[in-house]
Amino acid sequence: VLLSGWDGLSPFYDPFCGSGTLAIEAALIGLDIAPGLFRERYSCQHWPDFNQELWNAEVTRARDQQRGEGPPIFASDLDNNMLAIAQSSSERAGVGDDIRFFPADATKTSPPTSTAGYIVTNPPYGERLGTEKEVAELYRKLGTHWLQNYSGWRASLFAGNLSLAKELPLTAFRKDKLRNGPLECRLLHFQIER
């Protein structure tokens, strides 16, 4: 999410949300919730020189800096079972009321808000889900759909199959080299304009 350049204030949308990881991370960033704040125990608390008083002060400071309301965050998926998992995960992370989950086909859905924002997503790339032919067609449809319906939005797409990513009818203005386990991947960044 941070590599996308999202400002933490603009609308955020993940059209392939799966278990909700990116939307949950965005909600935590948008609400300025410190990473791991919900954890009860850390291994450092067992160190001989651990300072409980300092720890308590830092936890209090982290809680006090949280914002009461975050930016609009949307997440969709075709799979209702994944949406249920995403909703449950968001509730466990304390941001269940801060993300609007809905079922949708990413190649057909309208923008979830009238204000342009950021799309940050990790679509299937032919490893676990879908064949290469299906993913190539998905990328073509997705890029065309974004060009026709999401003008003014910025998009960051995590591409696990570099040859299939060339099927997107968009030109990336930046490409970040990343890994997903053994796979070399790219986070492709687009400014969507008709």
C-alpha atoms as a PDB file:
ATOM      1  CA  VAL A   1       0.000   0.000   0.000  1.00  0.00           C
ATOM      2  CA  LEU A   2       2.778   2.429   0.871  1.00  0.00           C
ATOM      3  CA  LEU A   3       4.570   1.779  -2.443  1.00  0.00           C
ATOM      4  CA  SER A   4       1.411   2.827  -4.305  1.00  0.00           C
ATOM      5  CA  GLY A   5       1.889   6.422  -3.198  1.00  0.00           C
ATOM      6  CA  TRP A   6      -1.587   6.498  -1.645  1.00  0.00           C
ATOM      7  CA  ASP A   7      -1.834   9.573   0.580  1.00  0.00           C
ATOM      8  CA  GLY A   8      -3.922   7.945   3.323  1.00  0.00           C
ATOM      9  CA  LEU A   9      -6.709  10.463   2.719  1.00  0.00           C
ATOM     10  CA  SER A  10      -8.105   9.819  -0.781  1.00  0.00           C
ATOM     11  CA  PRO A  11     -10.593   7.052  -1.577  1.00  0.00           C
ATOM     12  CA  PHE A  12      -8.986   3.614  -1.730  1.00  0.00           C
ATOM     13  CA  TYR A  13     -10.346   0.627  -3.677  1.00  0.00           C
ATOM     14  CA  ASP A  14      -9.204  -2.988  -4.057  1.00  0.00           C
ATOM     15  CA  PRO A  15     -11.373  -4.705  -6.710  1.00  0.00           C
ATOM     16  CA  PHE A  16      -9.738  -8.139  -6.112  1.00  0.00           C
ATOM     17  CA  CYS A  17      -9.735  -8.006  -2.317  1.00  0.00           C
ATOM     18  CA  GLY A  18      -9.578 -11.740  -1.561  1.00  0.00           C
ATOM     19  CA  SER A  19      -9.111 -12.019   2.209  1.00  0.00           C
ATOM     20  CA  GLY A  20      -8.964  -8.215   2.547  1.00  0.00           C
ATOM     21  CA  THR A  21      -5.284  -7.702   3.352  1.00  0.00           C
ATOM     22  CA  LEU A  22      -4.738  -4.538   1.279  1.00  0.00           C
ATOM     23  CA  ALA A  23      -7.995  -2.866   2.376  1.00  0.00           C
ATOM     24  CA  ILE A  24      -7.285  -3.668   6.032  1.00  0.00           C
ATOM     25  CA  GLU A  25      -3.767  -2.260   5.725  1.00  0.00           C
ATOM     26  CA  ALA A  26      -5.195   0.878   4.091  1.00  0.00           C
ATOM     27  CA  ALA A  27      -7.762   1.294   6.883  1.00  0.00           C
ATOM     28  CA  LEU A  28      -5.042   0.981   9.525  1.00  0.00           C
ATOM     29  CA  ILE A  29      -2.927   3.589   7.692  1.00  0.00           C
ATOM     30  CA  GLY A  30      -5.902   5.894   7.122  1.00  0.00           C
ATOM     31  CA  LEU A  31      -6.866   5.755  10.801  1.00  0.00           C
ATOM     32  CA  ASP A  32      -3.206   6.104  11.874  1.00  0.00           C
ATOM     33  CA  ILE A  33      -3.356   2.884  13.879  1.00  0.00           C
ATOM     34  CA  ALA A  34       0.123   1.724  14.807  1.00  0.00           C
ATOM     35  CA  PRO A  35       1.174  -1.689  13.411  1.00  0.00           C
ATOM     36  CA  GLY A  36       0.547  -4.480  15.906  1.00  0.00           C
ATOM     37  CA  LEU A  37      -1.314  -2.245  18.360  1.00  0.00           C
ATOM     38  CA  PHE A  38      -3.902  -4.983  18.889  1.00  0.00           C
ATOM     39  CA  ARG A  39      -1.323  -7.562  19.928  1.00  0.00           C
ATOM     40  CA  GLU A  40      -1.198  -8.295  23.621  1.00  0.00           C
ATOM     41  CA  ARG A  41       2.320  -9.711  23.928  1.00  0.00           C
ATOM     42  CA  TYR A  42       5.663  -9.137  22.226  1.00  0.00           C
ATOM     43  CA  SER A  43       8.882 -11.080  22.704  1.00  0.00           C
ATOM     44  CA  CYS A  44      10.728  -7.886  23.709  1.00  0.00           C
ATOM     45  CA  GLN A  45       8.587  -7.804  26.846  1.00  0.00           C
ATOM     46  CA  HIS A  46      10.654 -10.745  28.123  1.00  0.00           C
ATOM     47  CA  TRP A  47      14.032  -9.024  27.715  1.00  0.00           C
ATOM     48  CA  PRO A  48      15.946  -8.459  30.974  1.00  0.00           C
ATOM     49  CA  ASP A  49      16.101  -4.661  30.431  1.00  0.00           C
ATOM     50  CA  PHE A  50      12.465  -4.280  29.286  1.00  0.00           C
ATOM     51  CA  ASN A  51      10.989  -1.014  30.615  1.00  0.00           C
ATOM     52  CA  GLN A  52       7.274  -1.501  31.299  1.00  0.00           C
ATOM     53  CA  GLU A  53       6.707   2.158  32.122  1.00  0.00           C
ATOM     54  CA  LEU A  54       8.224   3.322  28.829  1.00  0.00           C
ATOM     55  CA  TRP A  55       6.267   0.626  26.971  1.00  0.00           C
ATOM     56  CA  ASN A  56       2.971   1.747  28.519  1.00  0.00           C
ATOM     57  CA  ALA A  57       3.702   5.383  27.627  1.00  0.00           C
ATOM     58  CA  GLU A  58       4.423   4.482  23.981  1.00  0.00           C
ATOM     59  CA  VAL A  59       1.277   2.333  23.692  1.00  0.00           C
ATOM     60  CA  THR A  60      -0.783   5.211  25.144  1.00  0.00           C
ATOM     61  CA  ARG A  61       0.833   7.653  22.689  1.00  0.00           C
ATOM     62  CA  ALA A  62       0.069   5.314  19.775  1.00  0.00           C
ATOM     63  CA  ARG A  63      -3.562   4.996  20.840  1.00  0.00           C
ATOM     64  CA  ASP A  64      -3.931   8.756  21.309  1.00  0.00           C
ATOM     65  CA  GLN A  65      -2.657   9.511  17.772  1.00  0.00           C
ATOM     66  CA  GLN A  66      -5.371   7.435  16.094  1.00  0.00           C
ATOM     67  CA  ARG A  67      -7.913   9.291  13.997  1.00  0.00           C
ATOM     68  CA  GLY A  68     -11.598   8.751  14.694  1.00  0.00           C
ATOM     69  CA  GLU A  69     -12.541   8.692  11.028  1.00  0.00           C
ATOM     70  CA  GLY A  70     -10.540   7.539   8.056  1.00  0.00           C
ATOM     71  CA  PRO A  71     -10.820   7.919   4.295  1.00  0.00           C
ATOM     72  CA  PRO A  72     -13.406   6.006   2.260  1.00  0.00           C
ATOM     73  CA  ILE A  73     -12.105   2.470   1.720  1.00  0.00           C
ATOM     74  CA  PHE A  74     -13.790  -0.014  -0.594  1.00  0.00           C
ATOM     75  CA  ALA A  75     -13.057  -3.649  -1.372  1.00  0.00           C
ATOM     76  CA  SER A  76     -14.809  -6.071  -3.687  1.00  0.00           C
ATOM     77  CA  ASP A  77     -14.446  -9.600  -4.975  1.00  0.00           C
ATOM     78  CA  LEU A  78     -16.439 -12.044  -7.073  1.00  0.00           C
ATOM     79  CA  ASP A  79     -16.222 -14.723  -4.377  1.00  0.00           C
ATOM     80  CA  ASN A  80     -18.733 -14.220  -1.548  1.00  0.00           C
ATOM     81  CA  ASN A  81     -16.826 -16.681   0.654  1.00  0.00           C
ATOM     82  CA  MET A  82     -13.697 -14.525   0.350  1.00  0.00           C
ATOM     83  CA  LEU A  83     -15.752 -11.421   1.151  1.00  0.00           C
ATOM     84  CA  ALA A  84     -16.984 -13.094   4.355  1.00  0.00           C
ATOM     85  CA  ILE A  85     -13.387 -13.920   5.297  1.00  0.00           C
ATOM     86  CA  ALA A  86     -12.315 -10.339   4.508  1.00  0.00           C
ATOM     87  CA  GLN A  87     -15.114  -8.893   6.631  1.00  0.00           C
ATOM     88  CA  SER A  88     -14.232 -11.187   9.524  1.00  0.00           C
ATOM     89  CA  SER A  89     -10.530 -10.312   9.230  1.00  0.00           C
ATOM     90  CA  SER A  90     -11.310  -6.598   9.177  1.00  0.00           C
ATOM     91  CA  GLU A  91     -13.379  -6.949  12.344  1.00  0.00           C
ATOM     92  CA  ARG A  92     -10.538  -8.787  14.109  1.00  0.00           C
ATOM     93  CA  ALA A  93      -8.200  -5.962  13.080  1.00  0.00           C
ATOM     94  CA  GLY A  94     -10.619  -3.404  14.548  1.00  0.00           C
ATOM     95  CA  VAL A  95     -11.516  -1.778  11.208  1.00  0.00           C
ATOM     96  CA  GLY A  96     -14.652  -3.723  10.277  1.00  0.00           C
ATOM     97  CA  ASP A  97     -16.782  -0.569  10.188  1.00  0.00           C
ATOM     98  CA  ASP A  98     -14.203   1.352   8.176  1.00  0.00           C
ATOM     99  CA  ILE A  99     -14.223  -0.720   4.971  1.00  0.00           C
ATOM    100  CA  ARG A 100     -17.173  -1.192   2.637  1.00  0.00           C
ATOM    101  CA  PHE A 101     -17.020  -4.721   1.201  1.00  0.00           C
ATOM    102  CA  PHE A 102     -19.256  -5.658  -1.729  1.00  0.00           C
ATOM    103  CA  PRO A 103     -19.511  -8.397  -4.372  1.00  0.00           C
ATOM    104  CA  ALA A 104     -18.454  -7.241  -7.840  1.00  0.00           C
ATOM    105  CA  ASP A 105     -16.785  -8.232 -11.072  1.00  0.00           C
ATOM    106  CA  ALA A 106     -13.713  -5.983 -11.286  1.00  0.00           C
ATOM    107  CA  THR A 107     -14.099  -5.713 -15.068  1.00  0.00           C
ATOM    108  CA  LYS A 108     -17.657  -4.386 -14.800  1.00  0.00           C
ATOM    109  CA  THR A 109     -18.011  -2.396 -11.586  1.00  0.00           C
ATOM    110  CA  SER A 110     -18.449   1.365 -11.470  1.00  0.00           C
ATOM    111  CA  PRO A 111     -16.149   3.481  -9.311  1.00  0.00           C
ATOM    112  CA  PRO A 112     -17.344   3.142  -5.696  1.00  0.00           C
ATOM    113  CA  THR A 113     -17.169   6.924  -5.172  1.00  0.00           C
ATOM    114  CA  SER A 114     -17.526   9.996  -7.368  1.00  0.00           C
ATOM    115  CA  THR A 115     -14.169  11.303  -6.142  1.00  0.00           C
ATOM    116  CA  ALA A 116     -11.176   9.818  -7.944  1.00  0.00           C
ATOM    117  CA  GLY A 117      -8.840   7.877  -5.705  1.00  0.00           C
ATOM    118  CA  TYR A 118      -6.395   4.998  -5.707  1.00  0.00           C
ATOM    119  CA  ILE A 119      -6.881   1.438  -6.873  1.00  0.00           C
ATOM    120  CA  VAL A 120      -4.389  -0.907  -5.225  1.00  0.00           C
ATOM    121  CA  THR A 121      -4.861  -4.550  -6.095  1.00  0.00           C
ATOM    122  CA  ASN A 122      -3.358  -8.000  -6.492  1.00  0.00           C
ATOM    123  CA  PRO A 123      -5.366  -9.774  -9.218  1.00  0.00           C
ATOM    124  CA  PRO A 124      -4.918 -13.454 -10.105  1.00  0.00           C
ATOM    125  CA  TYR A 125      -1.827 -14.121 -12.195  1.00  0.00           C
ATOM    126  CA  GLY A 126      -2.158 -17.690 -13.363  1.00  0.00           C
ATOM    127  CA  GLU A 127      -0.281 -19.454 -10.556  1.00  0.00           C
ATOM    128  CA  ARG A 128      -2.977 -20.491  -8.076  1.00  0.00           C
ATOM    129  CA  LEU A 129      -6.062 -19.013  -9.710  1.00  0.00           C
ATOM    130  CA  GLY A 130      -6.921 -19.059 -13.395  1.00  0.00           C
ATOM    131  CA  THR A 131      -5.042 -20.207 -16.455  1.00  0.00           C
ATOM    132  CA  GLU A 132      -2.611 -17.935 -18.291  1.00  0.00           C
ATOM    133  CA  LYS A 133      -5.129 -17.522 -21.121  1.00  0.00           C
ATOM    134  CA  GLU A 134      -7.854 -16.513 -18.641  1.00  0.00           C
ATOM    135  CA  VAL A 135      -5.556 -14.070 -16.857  1.00  0.00           C
ATOM    136  CA  ALA A 136      -4.432 -12.487 -20.159  1.00  0.00           C
ATOM    137  CA  GLU A 137      -8.089 -11.895 -21.045  1.00  0.00           C
ATOM    138  CA  LEU A 138      -8.770 -10.567 -17.527  1.00  0.00           C
ATOM    139  CA  TYR A 139      -5.914  -8.047 -17.823  1.00  0.00           C
ATOM    140  CA  ARG A 140      -7.152  -6.853 -21.238  1.00  0.00           C
ATOM    141  CA  LYS A 141     -10.709  -6.413 -19.953  1.00  0.00           C
ATOM    142  CA  LEU A 142      -9.577  -4.799 -16.716  1.00  0.00           C
ATOM    143  CA  GLY A 143      -7.354  -2.216 -18.412  1.00  0.00           C
ATOM    144  CA  THR A 144     -10.037  -1.338 -20.953  1.00  0.00           C
ATOM    145  CA  HIS A 145     -12.631  -1.049 -18.186  1.00  0.00           C
ATOM    146  CA  TRP A 146     -10.395   1.249 -16.144  1.00  0.00           C
ATOM    147  CA  LEU A 147      -9.735   3.464 -19.175  1.00  0.00           C
ATOM    148  CA  GLN A 148     -13.466   3.775 -19.849  1.00  0.00           C
ATOM    149  CA  ASN A 149     -14.686   4.208 -16.258  1.00  0.00           C
ATOM    150  CA  TYR A 150     -11.890   5.279 -13.895  1.00  0.00           C
ATOM    151  CA  SER A 151     -10.408   8.344 -15.565  1.00  0.00           C
ATOM    152  CA  GLY A 152      -8.537  10.418 -12.993  1.00  0.00           C
ATOM    153  CA  TRP A 153      -7.853   7.452 -10.716  1.00  0.00           C
ATOM    154  CA  ARG A 154      -4.392   6.164  -9.992  1.00  0.00           C
ATOM    155  CA  ALA A 155      -3.835   2.391  -9.963  1.00  0.00           C
ATOM    156  CA  SER A 156      -1.136   0.128  -8.578  1.00  0.00           C
ATOM    157  CA  LEU A 157      -1.413  -3.467  -9.740  1.00  0.00           C
ATOM    158  CA  PHE A 158       0.711  -6.283  -8.354  1.00  0.00           C
ATOM    159  CA  ALA A 159       1.642  -8.438 -11.351  1.00  0.00           C
ATOM    160  CA  GLY A 160       3.001 -11.904 -10.688  1.00  0.00           C
ATOM    161  CA  ASN A 161       3.270 -12.849 -14.333  1.00  0.00           C
ATOM    162  CA  LEU A 162       5.328 -10.269 -16.175  1.00  0.00           C
ATOM    163  CA  SER A 163       4.505 -11.509 -19.665  1.00  0.00           C
ATOM    164  CA  LEU A 164       0.768 -11.406 -18.940  1.00  0.00           C
ATOM    165  CA  ALA A 165       1.029  -7.901 -17.475  1.00  0.00           C
ATOM    166  CA  LYS A 166       1.885  -6.734 -21.010  1.00  0.00           C
ATOM    167  CA  GLU A 167      -1.749  -7.498 -21.907  1.00  0.00           C
ATOM    168  CA  LEU A 168      -2.876  -4.449 -19.912  1.00  0.00           C
ATOM    169  CA  PRO A 169      -3.751  -1.680 -22.387  1.00  0.00           C
ATOM    170  CA  LEU A 170      -2.119   0.868 -20.062  1.00  0.00           C
ATOM    171  CA  THR A 171       1.387   2.261 -19.761  1.00  0.00           C
ATOM    172  CA  ALA A 172       2.977   2.137 -16.335  1.00  0.00           C
ATOM    173  CA  PHE A 173       4.747   5.306 -15.214  1.00  0.00           C
ATOM    174  CA  ARG A 174       6.692   3.309 -12.607  1.00  0.00           C
ATOM    175  CA  LYS A 175       7.510  -0.349 -11.971  1.00  0.00           C
ATOM    176  CA  ASP A 176       8.713  -1.611  -8.587  1.00  0.00           C
ATOM    177  CA  LYS A 177      10.525  -4.952  -8.589  1.00  0.00           C
ATOM    178  CA  LEU A 178       9.199  -7.226  -5.816  1.00  0.00           C
ATOM    179  CA  ARG A 179       9.023 -10.919  -4.975  1.00  0.00           C
ATOM    180  CA  ASN A 180       6.160 -13.154  -3.956  1.00  0.00           C
ATOM    181  CA  GLY A 181       8.015 -16.149  -2.576  1.00  0.00           C
ATOM    182  CA  PRO A 182      10.025 -17.530  -5.509  1.00  0.00           C
ATOM    183  CA  LEU A 183       8.203 -15.425  -8.126  1.00  0.00           C
ATOM    184  CA  GLU A 184       9.704 -12.226  -9.470  1.00  0.00           C
ATOM    185  CA  CYS A 185       6.867  -9.702  -9.589  1.00  0.00           C
ATOM    186  CA  ARG A 186       6.226  -6.043 -10.355  1.00  0.00           C
ATOM    187  CA  LEU A 187       4.051  -3.431  -8.763  1.00  0.00           C
ATOM    188  CA  LEU A 188       2.897  -1.476 -11.803  1.00  0.00           C
ATOM    189  CA  HIS A 189       1.703   2.107 -11.318  1.00  0.00           C
ATOM    190  CA  PHE A 190      -0.724   3.809 -13.704  1.00  0.00           C
ATOM    191  CA  GLN A 191      -2.345   7.207 -13.980  1.00  0.00           C
ATOM    192  CA  ILE A 192      -5.638   6.347 -15.658  1.00  0.00           C
ATOM    193  CA  GLU A 193      -6.673   8.816 -18.346  1.00  0.00           C
ATOM    194  CA  ARG A 194      -9.026   8.224 -21.250  1.00  0.00           C
END
